[in-house]
Amino acid sequence: MSHKDVAQAVDTFLEVLGDLGVPLTGPARRAVRGVESLRRSEDARHRLADLLQGAEEDFRQKAQQQGLAPVADWVASLPVHDLPTFRQAVEHLRDL
């Protein structure tokens, strides 16, 4: 059973309990939905990181093929997590 299916099953179960008058099922449902939302966000971050890594690898490979190995190595050494520095470096490349 997937995480999404488990979250839906728990949400439905809590809804039924709420309909039967069991207290605090509303906050429990909100908590389950919040956890599921965080899990989906984490999955999205991992997918984005994978896509970015693939794009970097493609760029480096194509730069190598075009005789631009020093540029490929320079781009690989840039601190991508430091977006202002990375953005300045890319703008500098564009201006060359």
PDB file of N, CA and C in Angstrom:
ATOM      1  N   MET A   1       0.847  -1.167   0.000  1.00  0.00           N
ATOM      2  CA  MET A   1       0.000   0.000   0.000  1.00  0.00           C
ATOM      3  C   MET A   1       0.905   1.247   0.000  1.00  0.00           C
ATOM      4  N   SER A   2       0.635   2.190  -0.873  1.00  0.00           N
ATOM      5  CA  SER A   2       1.458   3.397  -0.979  1.00  0.00           C
ATOM      6  C   SER A   2       1.178   4.347   0.186  1.00  0.00           C
ATOM      7  N   HIS A   3       2.089   5.307   0.368  1.00  0.00           N
ATOM      8  CA  HIS A   3       1.895   6.321   1.419  1.00  0.00           C
ATOM      9  C   HIS A   3       0.581   7.067   1.200  1.00  0.00           C
ATOM     10  N   LYS A   4       0.310   7.397  -0.060  1.00  0.00           N
ATOM     11  CA  LYS A   4      -0.913   8.133  -0.376  1.00  0.00           C
ATOM     12  C   LYS A   4      -2.146   7.319   0.003  1.00  0.00           C
ATOM     13  N   ASP A   5      -2.134   6.020  -0.315  1.00  0.00           N
ATOM     14  CA  ASP A   5      -3.266   5.149   0.015  1.00  0.00           C
ATOM     15  C   ASP A   5      -3.458   5.030   1.525  1.00  0.00           C
ATOM     16  N   VAL A   6      -2.353   4.918   2.249  1.00  0.00           N
ATOM     17  CA  VAL A   6      -2.431   4.825   3.711  1.00  0.00           C
ATOM     18  C   VAL A   6      -3.025   6.110   4.277  1.00  0.00           C
ATOM     19  N   ALA A   7      -2.554   7.257   3.789  1.00  0.00           N
ATOM     20  CA  ALA A   7      -3.073   8.542   4.276  1.00  0.00           C
ATOM     21  C   ALA A   7      -4.565   8.668   3.991  1.00  0.00           C
ATOM     22  N   GLN A   8      -4.997   8.239   2.806  1.00  0.00           N
ATOM     23  CA  GLN A   8      -6.420   8.300   2.468  1.00  0.00           C
ATOM     24  C   GLN A   8      -7.237   7.370   3.357  1.00  0.00           C
ATOM     25  N   ALA A   9      -6.719   6.170   3.606  1.00  0.00           N
ATOM     26  CA  ALA A   9      -7.432   5.214   4.451  1.00  0.00           C
ATOM     27  C   ALA A   9      -7.573   5.750   5.882  1.00  0.00           C
ATOM     28  N   VAL A  10      -6.485   6.302   6.411  1.00  0.00           N
ATOM     29  CA  VAL A  10      -6.527   6.862   7.769  1.00  0.00           C
ATOM     30  C   VAL A  10      -7.490   8.044   7.826  1.00  0.00           C
ATOM     31  N   ASP A  11      -7.460   8.898   6.801  1.00  0.00           N
ATOM     32  CA  ASP A  11      -8.358  10.049   6.757  1.00  0.00           C
ATOM     33  C   ASP A  11      -9.815   9.591   6.743  1.00  0.00           C
ATOM     34  N   THR A  12     -10.116   8.586   5.931  1.00  0.00           N
ATOM     35  CA  THR A  12     -11.483   8.055   5.861  1.00  0.00           C
ATOM     36  C   THR A  12     -11.892   7.440   7.196  1.00  0.00           C
ATOM     37  N   PHE A  13     -10.990   6.682   7.811  1.00  0.00           N
ATOM     38  CA  PHE A  13     -11.260   6.061   9.101  1.00  0.00           C
ATOM     39  C   PHE A  13     -11.566   7.128  10.152  1.00  0.00           C
ATOM     40  N   LEU A  14     -10.747   8.195  10.169  1.00  0.00           N
ATOM     41  CA  LEU A  14     -10.977   9.273  11.130  1.00  0.00           C
ATOM     42  C   LEU A  14     -12.286  10.005  10.846  1.00  0.00           C
ATOM     43  N   GLU A  15     -12.636  10.122   9.575  1.00  0.00           N
ATOM     44  CA  GLU A  15     -13.916  10.757   9.224  1.00  0.00           C
ATOM     45  C   GLU A  15     -15.085   9.948   9.774  1.00  0.00           C
ATOM     46  N   VAL A  16     -15.023   8.633   9.625  1.00  0.00           N
ATOM     47  CA  VAL A  16     -16.085   7.754  10.130  1.00  0.00           C
ATOM     48  C   VAL A  16     -16.159   7.857  11.654  1.00  0.00           C
ATOM     49  N   LEU A  17     -14.983   7.845  12.305  1.00  0.00           N
ATOM     50  CA  LEU A  17     -14.982   7.980  13.763  1.00  0.00           C
ATOM     51  C   LEU A  17     -15.600   9.304  14.189  1.00  0.00           C
ATOM     52  N   GLY A  18     -15.289  10.364  13.434  1.00  0.00           N
ATOM     53  CA  GLY A  18     -15.869  11.670  13.729  1.00  0.00           C
ATOM     54  C   GLY A  18     -17.377  11.654  13.582  1.00  0.00           C
ATOM     55  N   ASP A  19     -17.860  10.991  12.522  1.00  0.00           N
ATOM     56  CA  ASP A  19     -19.305  10.881  12.313  1.00  0.00           C
ATOM     57  C   ASP A  19     -19.973  10.099  13.448  1.00  0.00           C
ATOM     58  N   LEU A  20     -19.237   9.201  14.085  1.00  0.00           N
ATOM     59  CA  LEU A  20     -19.760   8.425  15.205  1.00  0.00           C
ATOM     60  C   LEU A  20     -19.652   9.179  16.533  1.00  0.00           C
ATOM     61  N   GLY A  21     -19.075  10.373  16.475  1.00  0.00           N
ATOM     62  CA  GLY A  21     -18.994  11.195  17.681  1.00  0.00           C
ATOM     63  C   GLY A  21     -17.711  11.054  18.473  1.00  0.00           C
ATOM     64  N   VAL A  22     -16.725  10.365  17.928  1.00  0.00           N
ATOM     65  CA  VAL A  22     -15.443  10.240  18.637  1.00  0.00           C
ATOM     66  C   VAL A  22     -14.766  11.618  18.636  1.00  0.00           C
ATOM     67  N   PRO A  23     -14.352  12.098  19.810  1.00  0.00           N
ATOM     68  CA  PRO A  23     -13.767  13.441  19.880  1.00  0.00           C
ATOM     69  C   PRO A  23     -12.365  13.515  19.268  1.00  0.00           C
ATOM     70  N   LEU A  24     -12.005  14.719  18.872  1.00  0.00           N
ATOM     71  CA  LEU A  24     -10.671  15.078  18.373  1.00  0.00           C
ATOM     72  C   LEU A  24     -10.285  14.423  17.048  1.00  0.00           C
ATOM     73  N   THR A  25     -11.256  13.931  16.310  1.00  0.00           N
ATOM     74  CA  THR A  25     -10.908  13.348  15.005  1.00  0.00           C
ATOM     75  C   THR A  25     -10.583  14.439  13.986  1.00  0.00           C
ATOM     76  N   GLY A  26     -11.176  15.624  14.133  1.00  0.00           N
ATOM     77  CA  GLY A  26     -10.872  16.732  13.219  1.00  0.00           C
ATOM     78  C   GLY A  26      -9.403  17.125  13.268  1.00  0.00           C
ATOM     79  N   PRO A  27      -8.860  17.398  14.461  1.00  0.00           N
ATOM     80  CA  PRO A  27      -7.430  17.718  14.531  1.00  0.00           C
ATOM     81  C   PRO A  27      -6.540  16.562  14.057  1.00  0.00           C
ATOM     82  N   ALA A  28      -6.955  15.342  14.332  1.00  0.00           N
ATOM     83  CA  ALA A  28      -6.163  14.191  13.878  1.00  0.00           C
ATOM     84  C   ALA A  28      -6.144  14.125  12.351  1.00  0.00           C
ATOM     85  N   ARG A  29      -7.288  14.400  11.724  1.00  0.00           N
ATOM     86  CA  ARG A  29      -7.344  14.399  10.258  1.00  0.00           C
ATOM     87  C   ARG A  29      -6.447  15.491   9.684  1.00  0.00           C
ATOM     88  N   ARG A  30      -6.474  16.673  10.295  1.00  0.00           N
ATOM     89  CA  ARG A  30      -5.618  17.760   9.826  1.00  0.00           C
ATOM     90  C   ARG A  30      -4.144  17.388   9.976  1.00  0.00           C
ATOM     91  N   ALA A  31      -3.811  16.705  11.051  1.00  0.00           N
ATOM     92  CA  ALA A  31      -2.424  16.276  11.261  1.00  0.00           C
ATOM     93  C   ALA A  31      -2.000  15.273  10.186  1.00  0.00           C
ATOM     94  N   VAL A  32      -2.861  14.320   9.881  1.00  0.00           N
ATOM     95  CA  VAL A  32      -2.550  13.325   8.847  1.00  0.00           C
ATOM     96  C   VAL A  32      -2.365  14.011   7.501  1.00  0.00           C
ATOM     97  N   ARG A  33      -3.244  14.944   7.194  1.00  0.00           N
ATOM     98  CA  ARG A  33      -3.133  15.674   5.921  1.00  0.00           C
ATOM     99  C   ARG A  33      -1.843  16.499   5.880  1.00  0.00           C
ATOM    100  N   GLY A  34      -1.487  17.098   7.003  1.00  0.00           N
ATOM    101  CA  GLY A  34      -0.246  17.876   7.065  1.00  0.00           C
ATOM    102  C   GLY A  34       0.983  17.021   6.841  1.00  0.00           C
ATOM    103  N   VAL A  35       1.003  15.856   7.474  1.00  0.00           N
ATOM    104  CA  VAL A  35       2.133  14.939   7.295  1.00  0.00           C
ATOM    105  C   VAL A  35       2.212  14.476   5.843  1.00  0.00           C
ATOM    106  N   GLU A  36       1.088  14.158   5.239  1.00  0.00           N
ATOM    107  CA  GLU A  36       1.067  13.730   3.842  1.00  0.00           C
ATOM    108  C   GLU A  36       1.545  14.854   2.933  1.00  0.00           C
ATOM    109  N   SER A  37       1.159  16.082   3.222  1.00  0.00           N
ATOM    110  CA  SER A  37       1.606  17.226   2.428  1.00  0.00           C
ATOM    111  C   SER A  37       3.123  17.397   2.523  1.00  0.00           C
ATOM    112  N   LEU A  38       3.665  17.263   3.728  1.00  0.00           N
ATOM    113  CA  LEU A  38       5.117  17.347   3.904  1.00  0.00           C
ATOM    114  C   LEU A  38       5.831  16.237   3.149  1.00  0.00           C
ATOM    115  N   ARG A  39       5.273  15.031   3.179  1.00  0.00           N
ATOM    116  CA  ARG A  39       5.884  13.909   2.477  1.00  0.00           C
ATOM    117  C   ARG A  39       5.918  14.174   0.978  1.00  0.00           C
ATOM    118  N   ARG A  40       4.810  14.713   0.451  1.00  0.00           N
ATOM    119  CA  ARG A  40       4.769  15.019  -0.986  1.00  0.00           C
ATOM    120  C   ARG A  40       5.772  16.111  -1.327  1.00  0.00           C
ATOM    121  N   SER A  41       5.914  17.099  -0.451  1.00  0.00           N
ATOM    122  CA  SER A  41       6.880  18.176  -0.676  1.00  0.00           C
ATOM    123  C   SER A  41       8.302  17.624  -0.703  1.00  0.00           C
ATOM    124  N   GLU A  42       8.588  16.721   0.201  1.00  0.00           N
ATOM    125  CA  GLU A  42       9.917  16.104   0.254  1.00  0.00           C
ATOM    126  C   GLU A  42      10.173  15.305  -1.030  1.00  0.00           C
ATOM    127  N   ASP A  43       9.165  14.556  -1.484  1.00  0.00           N
ATOM    128  CA  ASP A  43       9.303  13.823  -2.747  1.00  0.00           C
ATOM    129  C   ASP A  43       9.570  14.777  -3.896  1.00  0.00           C
ATOM    130  N   ALA A  44       8.886  15.914  -3.916  1.00  0.00           N
ATOM    131  CA  ALA A  44       9.071  16.908  -4.985  1.00  0.00           C
ATOM    132  C   ALA A  44      10.489  17.470  -4.941  1.00  0.00           C
ATOM    133  N   ARG A  45      11.006  17.740  -3.745  1.00  0.00           N
ATOM    134  CA  ARG A  45      12.383  18.247  -3.627  1.00  0.00           C
ATOM    135  C   ARG A  45      13.378  17.231  -4.153  1.00  0.00           C
ATOM    136  N   HIS A  46      13.154  15.957  -3.844  1.00  0.00           N
ATOM    137  CA  HIS A  46      14.065  14.915  -4.339  1.00  0.00           C
ATOM    138  C   HIS A  46      14.005  14.821  -5.860  1.00  0.00           C
ATOM    139  N   ARG A  47      12.790  14.888  -6.427  1.00  0.00           N
ATOM    140  CA  ARG A  47      12.669  14.832  -7.890  1.00  0.00           C
ATOM    141  C   ARG A  47      13.352  16.027  -8.538  1.00  0.00           C
ATOM    142  N   LEU A  48      13.177  17.213  -7.960  1.00  0.00           N
ATOM    143  CA  LEU A  48      13.819  18.407  -8.493  1.00  0.00           C
ATOM    144  C   LEU A  48      15.339  18.287  -8.409  1.00  0.00           C
ATOM    145  N   ALA A  49      15.847  17.803  -7.294  1.00  0.00           N
ATOM    146  CA  ALA A  49      17.295  17.625  -7.150  1.00  0.00           C
ATOM    147  C   ALA A  49      17.815  16.652  -8.203  1.00  0.00           C
ATOM    148  N   ASP A  50      17.076  15.573  -8.455  1.00  0.00           N
ATOM    149  CA  ASP A  50      17.474  14.617  -9.484  1.00  0.00           C
ATOM    150  C   ASP A  50      17.485  15.257 -10.867  1.00  0.00           C
ATOM    151  N   LEU A  51      16.454  16.068 -11.156  1.00  0.00           N
ATOM    152  CA  LEU A  51      16.395  16.752 -12.455  1.00  0.00           C
ATOM    153  C   LEU A  51      17.554  17.734 -12.617  1.00  0.00           C
ATOM    154  N   LEU A  52      17.853  18.480 -11.565  1.00  0.00           N
ATOM    155  CA  LEU A  52      18.960  19.428 -11.626  1.00  0.00           C
ATOM    156  C   LEU A  52      20.296  18.717 -11.817  1.00  0.00           C
ATOM    157  N   GLN A  53      20.466  17.601 -11.149  1.00  0.00           N
ATOM    158  CA  GLN A  53      21.702  16.847 -11.297  1.00  0.00           C
ATOM    159  C   GLN A  53      21.822  16.324 -12.730  1.00  0.00           C
ATOM    160  N   GLY A  54      20.728  15.844 -13.293  1.00  0.00           N
ATOM    161  CA  GLY A  54      20.739  15.374 -14.674  1.00  0.00           C
ATOM    162  C   GLY A  54      21.055  16.489 -15.647  1.00  0.00           C
ATOM    163  N   ALA A  55      20.499  17.676 -15.418  1.00  0.00           N
ATOM    164  CA  ALA A  55      20.778  18.823 -16.294  1.00  0.00           C
ATOM    165  C   ALA A  55      22.250  19.213 -16.208  1.00  0.00           C
ATOM    166  N   GLU A  56      22.796  19.189 -15.004  1.00  0.00           N
ATOM    167  CA  GLU A  56      24.215  19.515 -14.846  1.00  0.00           C
ATOM    168  C   GLU A  56      25.082  18.503 -15.585  1.00  0.00           C
ATOM    169  N   GLU A  57      24.747  17.224 -15.438  1.00  0.00           N
ATOM    170  CA  GLU A  57      25.525  16.185 -16.117  1.00  0.00           C
ATOM    171  C   GLU A  57      25.438  16.343 -17.632  1.00  0.00           C
ATOM    172  N   ASP A  58      24.235  16.644 -18.153  1.00  0.00           N
ATOM    173  CA  ASP A  58      24.069  16.858 -19.592  1.00  0.00           C
ATOM    174  C   ASP A  58      24.910  18.038 -20.063  1.00  0.00           C
ATOM    175  N   PHE A  59      24.859  19.151 -19.315  1.00  0.00           N
ATOM    176  CA  PHE A  59      25.635  20.325 -19.685  1.00  0.00           C
ATOM    177  C   PHE A  59      27.119  20.002 -19.720  1.00  0.00           C
ATOM    178  N   ARG A  60      27.592  19.366 -18.672  1.00  0.00           N
ATOM    179  CA  ARG A  60      29.029  19.058 -18.593  1.00  0.00           C
ATOM    180  C   ARG A  60      29.446  18.141 -19.731  1.00  0.00           C
ATOM    181  N   GLN A  61      28.619  17.161 -20.055  1.00  0.00           N
ATOM    182  CA  GLN A  61      28.942  16.230 -21.139  1.00  0.00           C
ATOM    183  C   GLN A  61      28.999  16.964 -22.478  1.00  0.00           C
ATOM    184  N   LYS A  62      28.017  17.814 -22.747  1.00  0.00           N
ATOM    185  CA  LYS A  62      27.993  18.554 -24.012  1.00  0.00           C
ATOM    186  C   LYS A  62      29.137  19.558 -24.088  1.00  0.00           C
ATOM    187  N   ALA A  63      29.452  20.200 -22.965  1.00  0.00           N
ATOM    188  CA  ALA A  63      30.582  21.128 -22.957  1.00  0.00           C
ATOM    189  C   ALA A  63      31.879  20.390 -23.256  1.00  0.00           C
ATOM    190  N   GLN A  64      32.046  19.215 -22.678  1.00  0.00           N
ATOM    191  CA  GLN A  64      33.242  18.404 -22.945  1.00  0.00           C
ATOM    192  C   GLN A  64      33.319  18.053 -24.432  1.00  0.00           C
ATOM    193  N   GLN A  65      32.190  17.658 -25.017  1.00  0.00           N
ATOM    194  CA  GLN A  65      32.155  17.273 -26.429  1.00  0.00           C
ATOM    195  C   GLN A  65      32.495  18.444 -27.338  1.00  0.00           C
ATOM    196  N   GLN A  66      32.201  19.655 -26.902  1.00  0.00           N
ATOM    197  CA  GLN A  66      32.448  20.837 -27.719  1.00  0.00           C
ATOM    198  C   GLN A  66      33.793  21.493 -27.394  1.00  0.00           C
ATOM    199  N   GLY A  67      34.622  20.777 -26.665  1.00  0.00           N
ATOM    200  CA  GLY A  67      35.954  21.297 -26.348  1.00  0.00           C
ATOM    201  C   GLY A  67      35.962  22.371 -25.282  1.00  0.00           C
ATOM    202  N   LEU A  68      34.941  22.397 -24.462  1.00  0.00           N
ATOM    203  CA  LEU A  68      34.842  23.409 -23.415  1.00  0.00           C
ATOM    204  C   LEU A  68      35.030  22.801 -22.027  1.00  0.00           C
ATOM    205  N   ALA A  69      35.982  21.899 -21.917  1.00  0.00           N
ATOM    206  CA  ALA A  69      36.216  21.214 -20.643  1.00  0.00           C
ATOM    207  C   ALA A  69      36.480  22.179 -19.496  1.00  0.00           C
ATOM    208  N   PRO A  70      37.294  23.238 -19.688  1.00  0.00           N
ATOM    209  CA  PRO A  70      37.510  24.164 -18.561  1.00  0.00           C
ATOM    210  C   PRO A  70      36.213  24.834 -18.092  1.00  0.00           C
ATOM    211  N   VAL A  71      35.325  25.169 -19.031  1.00  0.00           N
ATOM    212  CA  VAL A  71      34.049  25.778 -18.657  1.00  0.00           C
ATOM    213  C   VAL A  71      33.206  24.771 -17.876  1.00  0.00           C
ATOM    214  N   ALA A  72      33.175  23.534 -18.357  1.00  0.00           N
ATOM    215  CA  ALA A  72      32.403  22.490 -17.671  1.00  0.00           C
ATOM    216  C   ALA A  72      32.918  22.292 -16.252  1.00  0.00           C
ATOM    217  N   ASP A  73      34.236  22.265 -16.096  1.00  0.00           N
ATOM    218  CA  ASP A  73      34.811  22.090 -14.761  1.00  0.00           C
ATOM    219  C   ASP A  73      34.511  23.287 -13.865  1.00  0.00           C
ATOM    220  N   TRP A  74      34.556  24.494 -14.448  1.00  0.00           N
ATOM    221  CA  TRP A  74      34.275  25.701 -13.686  1.00  0.00           C
ATOM    222  C   TRP A  74      32.828  25.703 -13.202  1.00  0.00           C
ATOM    223  N   VAL A  75      31.888  25.368 -14.092  1.00  0.00           N
ATOM    224  CA  VAL A  75      30.476  25.322 -13.712  1.00  0.00           C
ATOM    225  C   VAL A  75      30.260  24.277 -12.617  1.00  0.00           C
ATOM    226  N   ALA A  76      30.943  23.136 -12.739  1.00  0.00           N
ATOM    227  CA  ALA A  76      30.797  22.086 -11.724  1.00  0.00           C
ATOM    228  C   ALA A  76      31.296  22.552 -10.359  1.00  0.00           C
ATOM    229  N   SER A  77      32.244  23.487 -10.349  1.00  0.00           N
ATOM    230  CA  SER A  77      32.799  23.939  -9.071  1.00  0.00           C
ATOM    231  C   SER A  77      31.992  25.069  -8.425  1.00  0.00           C
ATOM    232  N   LEU A  78      31.009  25.611  -9.145  1.00  0.00           N
ATOM    233  CA  LEU A  78      30.219  26.711  -8.594  1.00  0.00           C
ATOM    234  C   LEU A  78      29.348  26.240  -7.438  1.00  0.00           C
ATOM    235  N   PRO A  79      29.209  27.066  -6.411  1.00  0.00           N
ATOM    236  CA  PRO A  79      28.355  26.703  -5.271  1.00  0.00           C
ATOM    237  C   PRO A  79      26.880  26.965  -5.605  1.00  0.00           C
ATOM    238  N   VAL A  80      26.217  25.979  -6.206  1.00  0.00           N
ATOM    239  CA  VAL A  80      24.828  26.152  -6.635  1.00  0.00           C
ATOM    240  C   VAL A  80      23.923  26.475  -5.444  1.00  0.00           C
ATOM    241  N   HIS A  81      24.264  25.968  -4.267  1.00  0.00           N
ATOM    242  CA  HIS A  81      23.439  26.259  -3.086  1.00  0.00           C
ATOM    243  C   HIS A  81      23.518  27.737  -2.688  1.00  0.00           C
ATOM    244  N   ASP A  82      24.559  28.443  -3.179  1.00  0.00           N
ATOM    245  CA  ASP A  82      24.706  29.876  -2.928  1.00  0.00           C
ATOM    246  C   ASP A  82      24.191  30.605  -4.167  1.00  0.00           C
ATOM    247  N   LEU A  83      22.865  30.746  -4.253  1.00  0.00           N
ATOM    248  CA  LEU A  83      22.247  31.247  -5.480  1.00  0.00           C
ATOM    249  C   LEU A  83      22.735  32.619  -5.926  1.00  0.00           C
ATOM    250  N   PRO A  84      22.960  33.601  -5.056  1.00  0.00           N
ATOM    251  CA  PRO A  84      23.462  34.886  -5.555  1.00  0.00           C
ATOM    252  C   PRO A  84      24.812  34.751  -6.271  1.00  0.00           C
ATOM    253  N   THR A  85      25.731  33.974  -5.699  1.00  0.00           N
ATOM    254  CA  THR A  85      27.026  33.769  -6.333  1.00  0.00           C
ATOM    255  C   THR A  85      26.871  33.025  -7.649  1.00  0.00           C
ATOM    256  N   PHE A  86      26.029  32.009  -7.657  1.00  0.00           N
ATOM    257  CA  PHE A  86      25.791  31.235  -8.873  1.00  0.00           C
ATOM    258  C   PHE A  86      25.186  32.130  -9.955  1.00  0.00           C
ATOM    259  N   ARG A  87      24.212  32.945  -9.582  1.00  0.00           N
ATOM    260  CA  ARG A  87      23.555  33.836 -10.545  1.00  0.00           C
ATOM    261  C   ARG A  87      24.568  34.833 -11.131  1.00  0.00           C
ATOM    262  N   GLN A  88      25.437  35.387 -10.289  1.00  0.00           N
ATOM    263  CA  GLN A  88      26.462  36.318 -10.768  1.00  0.00           C
ATOM    264  C   GLN A  88      27.404  35.630 -11.757  1.00  0.00           C
ATOM    265  N   ALA A  89      27.759  34.390 -11.455  1.00  0.00           N
ATOM    266  CA  ALA A  89      28.668  33.661 -12.341  1.00  0.00           C
ATOM    267  C   ALA A  89      28.016  33.396 -13.688  1.00  0.00           C
ATOM    268  N   VAL A  90      26.761  33.013 -13.689  1.00  0.00           N
ATOM    269  CA  VAL A  90      26.058  32.754 -14.934  1.00  0.00           C
ATOM    270  C   VAL A  90      25.913  34.054 -15.730  1.00  0.00           C
ATOM    271  N   GLU A  91      25.607  35.164 -15.068  1.00  0.00           N
ATOM    272  CA  GLU A  91      25.501  36.446 -15.762  1.00  0.00           C
ATOM    273  C   GLU A  91      26.833  36.860 -16.348  1.00  0.00           C
ATOM    274  N   HIS A  92      27.911  36.586 -15.629  1.00  0.00           N
ATOM    275  CA  HIS A  92      29.251  36.890 -16.139  1.00  0.00           C
ATOM    276  C   HIS A  92      29.535  36.070 -17.391  1.00  0.00           C
ATOM    277  N   LEU A  93      29.162  34.808 -17.377  1.00  0.00           N
ATOM    278  CA  LEU A  93      29.336  33.945 -18.558  1.00  0.00           C
ATOM    279  C   LEU A  93      28.567  34.511 -19.733  1.00  0.00           C
ATOM    280  N   ARG A  94      27.339  34.952 -19.480  1.00  0.00           N
ATOM    281  CA  ARG A  94      26.496  35.486 -20.547  1.00  0.00           C
ATOM    282  C   ARG A  94      27.114  36.728 -21.172  1.00  0.00           C
ATOM    283  N   ASP A  95      27.763  37.527 -20.347  1.00  0.00           N
ATOM    284  CA  ASP A  95      28.348  38.789 -20.816  1.00  0.00           C
ATOM    285  C   ASP A  95      29.656  38.602 -21.561  1.00  0.00           C
ATOM    286  N   LEU A  96      30.255  37.433 -21.505  1.00  0.00           N
ATOM    287  CA  LEU A  96      31.528  37.192 -22.205  1.00  0.00           C
ATOM    288  C   LEU A  96      31.363  37.171 -23.702  1.00  0.00           C
TER     289      LEU A  96
END
